């Protein structure tokens, strides 16, 4: 599931032009809901705790892309 969490975070980072962050996902109900929906679409029903705990652990281990490393938007 780790790769799904990373990929989904990277997608949201690109979709929101870097305005998304782990903190925003953890704190903002709209970002959190979207992140959970995207992850669950790939891995099935996982608890909110399991998904967000995994995301937070990835941040602590520096395994997530930085906002400055996001891919430029295509025209």
C-alpha atoms as a PDB file:
ATOM      1  CA  UNK A   1       0.000   0.000   0.000  1.00  0.00           C
ATOM      2  CA  UNK A   2       2.992   2.286   0.512  1.00  0.00           C
ATOM      3  CA  UNK A   3       3.424   2.881  -3.215  1.00  0.00           C
ATOM      4  CA  UNK A   4      -0.279   3.745  -3.573  1.00  0.00           C
ATOM      5  CA  UNK A   5      -0.004   6.312  -0.772  1.00  0.00           C
ATOM      6  CA  UNK A   6       3.039   7.894  -2.427  1.00  0.00           C
ATOM      7  CA  UNK A   7       1.502   7.873  -5.912  1.00  0.00           C
ATOM      8  CA  UNK A   8      -1.788   9.337  -4.674  1.00  0.00           C
ATOM      9  CA  UNK A   9       0.013  12.086  -2.762  1.00  0.00           C
ATOM     10  CA  UNK A  10       2.069  12.903  -5.851  1.00  0.00           C
ATOM     11  CA  UNK A  11      -1.112  13.109  -7.963  1.00  0.00           C
ATOM     12  CA  UNK A  12      -2.742  15.530  -5.547  1.00  0.00           C
ATOM     13  CA  UNK A  13       0.434  17.585  -5.363  1.00  0.00           C
ATOM     14  CA  UNK A  14       0.313  17.972  -9.140  1.00  0.00           C
ATOM     15  CA  UNK A  15      -3.456  18.475  -9.330  1.00  0.00           C
ATOM     16  CA  UNK A  16      -3.351  21.327  -6.829  1.00  0.00           C
ATOM     17  CA  UNK A  17      -0.193  22.955  -8.200  1.00  0.00           C
ATOM     18  CA  UNK A  18       1.748  22.350  -5.019  1.00  0.00           C
ATOM     19  CA  UNK A  19      -0.941  23.846  -2.748  1.00  0.00           C
ATOM     20  CA  UNK A  20      -1.482  20.425  -1.213  1.00  0.00           C
ATOM     21  CA  UNK A  21       0.652  19.036   1.624  1.00  0.00           C
ATOM     22  CA  UNK A  22       0.529  16.208   4.141  1.00  0.00           C
ATOM     23  CA  UNK A  23      -0.567  18.712   6.783  1.00  0.00           C
ATOM     24  CA  UNK A  24      -3.396  19.961   4.563  1.00  0.00           C
ATOM     25  CA  UNK A  25      -4.540  16.377   3.920  1.00  0.00           C
ATOM     26  CA  UNK A  26      -4.481  15.581   7.631  1.00  0.00           C
ATOM     27  CA  UNK A  27      -6.173  18.809   8.718  1.00  0.00           C
ATOM     28  CA  UNK A  28      -8.538  19.838   5.905  1.00  0.00           C
ATOM     29  CA  UNK A  29     -11.693  17.690   5.628  1.00  0.00           C
ATOM     30  CA  UNK A  30     -11.972  18.253   1.858  1.00  0.00           C
ATOM     31  CA  UNK A  31      -8.373  17.275   1.096  1.00  0.00           C
ATOM     32  CA  UNK A  32      -8.591  14.361   3.543  1.00  0.00           C
ATOM     33  CA  UNK A  33     -11.786  13.045   1.979  1.00  0.00           C
ATOM     34  CA  UNK A  34     -10.364  13.288  -1.527  1.00  0.00           C
ATOM     35  CA  UNK A  35      -7.116  11.583  -0.544  1.00  0.00           C
ATOM     36  CA  UNK A  36      -8.963   8.755   1.191  1.00  0.00           C
ATOM     37  CA  UNK A  37     -11.269   8.275  -1.810  1.00  0.00           C
ATOM     38  CA  UNK A  38      -8.376   8.116  -4.241  1.00  0.00           C
ATOM     39  CA  UNK A  39      -6.455   5.616  -2.109  1.00  0.00           C
ATOM     40  CA  UNK A  40      -9.508   3.438  -1.498  1.00  0.00           C
ATOM     41  CA  UNK A  41     -10.258   3.350  -5.225  1.00  0.00           C
ATOM     42  CA  UNK A  42      -6.908   1.578  -5.654  1.00  0.00           C
ATOM     43  CA  UNK A  43      -6.629  -0.609  -2.559  1.00  0.00           C
ATOM     44  CA  UNK A  44     -10.200  -1.137  -1.405  1.00  0.00           C
ATOM     45  CA  UNK A  45     -11.664  -0.266   1.945  1.00  0.00           C
ATOM     46  CA  UNK A  46      -8.910   0.665   4.357  1.00  0.00           C
ATOM     47  CA  UNK A  47      -9.608   2.496   7.588  1.00  0.00           C
ATOM     48  CA  UNK A  48      -9.039   6.233   7.713  1.00  0.00           C
ATOM     49  CA  UNK A  49      -6.527   5.659  10.500  1.00  0.00           C
ATOM     50  CA  UNK A  50      -4.548   3.110   8.472  1.00  0.00           C
ATOM     51  CA  UNK A  51      -4.314   5.359   5.415  1.00  0.00           C
ATOM     52  CA  UNK A  52      -3.494   8.607   7.222  1.00  0.00           C
ATOM     53  CA  UNK A  53      -1.100   6.928   9.638  1.00  0.00           C
ATOM     54  CA  UNK A  54       0.710   5.435   6.652  1.00  0.00           C
ATOM     55  CA  UNK A  55       0.883   8.839   4.951  1.00  0.00           C
ATOM     56  CA  UNK A  56       2.252  10.490   8.072  1.00  0.00           C
ATOM     57  CA  UNK A  57       4.880   7.760   8.491  1.00  0.00           C
ATOM     58  CA  UNK A  58       5.990   8.246   4.884  1.00  0.00           C
ATOM     59  CA  UNK A  59       6.467  11.945   5.591  1.00  0.00           C
ATOM     60  CA  UNK A  60       8.518  11.203   8.699  1.00  0.00           C
ATOM     61  CA  UNK A  61      10.721   8.838   6.701  1.00  0.00           C
ATOM     62  CA  UNK A  62      11.131  11.472   3.931  1.00  0.00           C
ATOM     63  CA  UNK A  63       9.661   9.149   1.287  1.00  0.00           C
ATOM     64  CA  UNK A  64       7.215  11.660  -0.183  1.00  0.00           C
ATOM     65  CA  UNK A  65       7.956  14.067  -3.025  1.00  0.00           C
ATOM     66  CA  UNK A  66       8.430  17.678  -2.038  1.00  0.00           C
ATOM     67  CA  UNK A  67       6.176  20.396  -3.383  1.00  0.00           C
ATOM     68  CA  UNK A  68       9.162  21.801  -5.232  1.00  0.00           C
ATOM     69  CA  UNK A  69       9.580  18.440  -7.015  1.00  0.00           C
ATOM     70  CA  UNK A  70       6.107  18.347  -8.499  1.00  0.00           C
ATOM     71  CA  UNK A  71       5.757  17.817 -12.202  1.00  0.00           C
ATOM     72  CA  UNK A  72       4.892  20.887 -14.267  1.00  0.00           C
ATOM     73  CA  UNK A  73       1.368  21.052 -15.592  1.00  0.00           C
ATOM     74  CA  UNK A  74       0.958  20.305 -19.278  1.00  0.00           C
ATOM     75  CA  UNK A  75      -0.747  22.993 -21.369  1.00  0.00           C
END
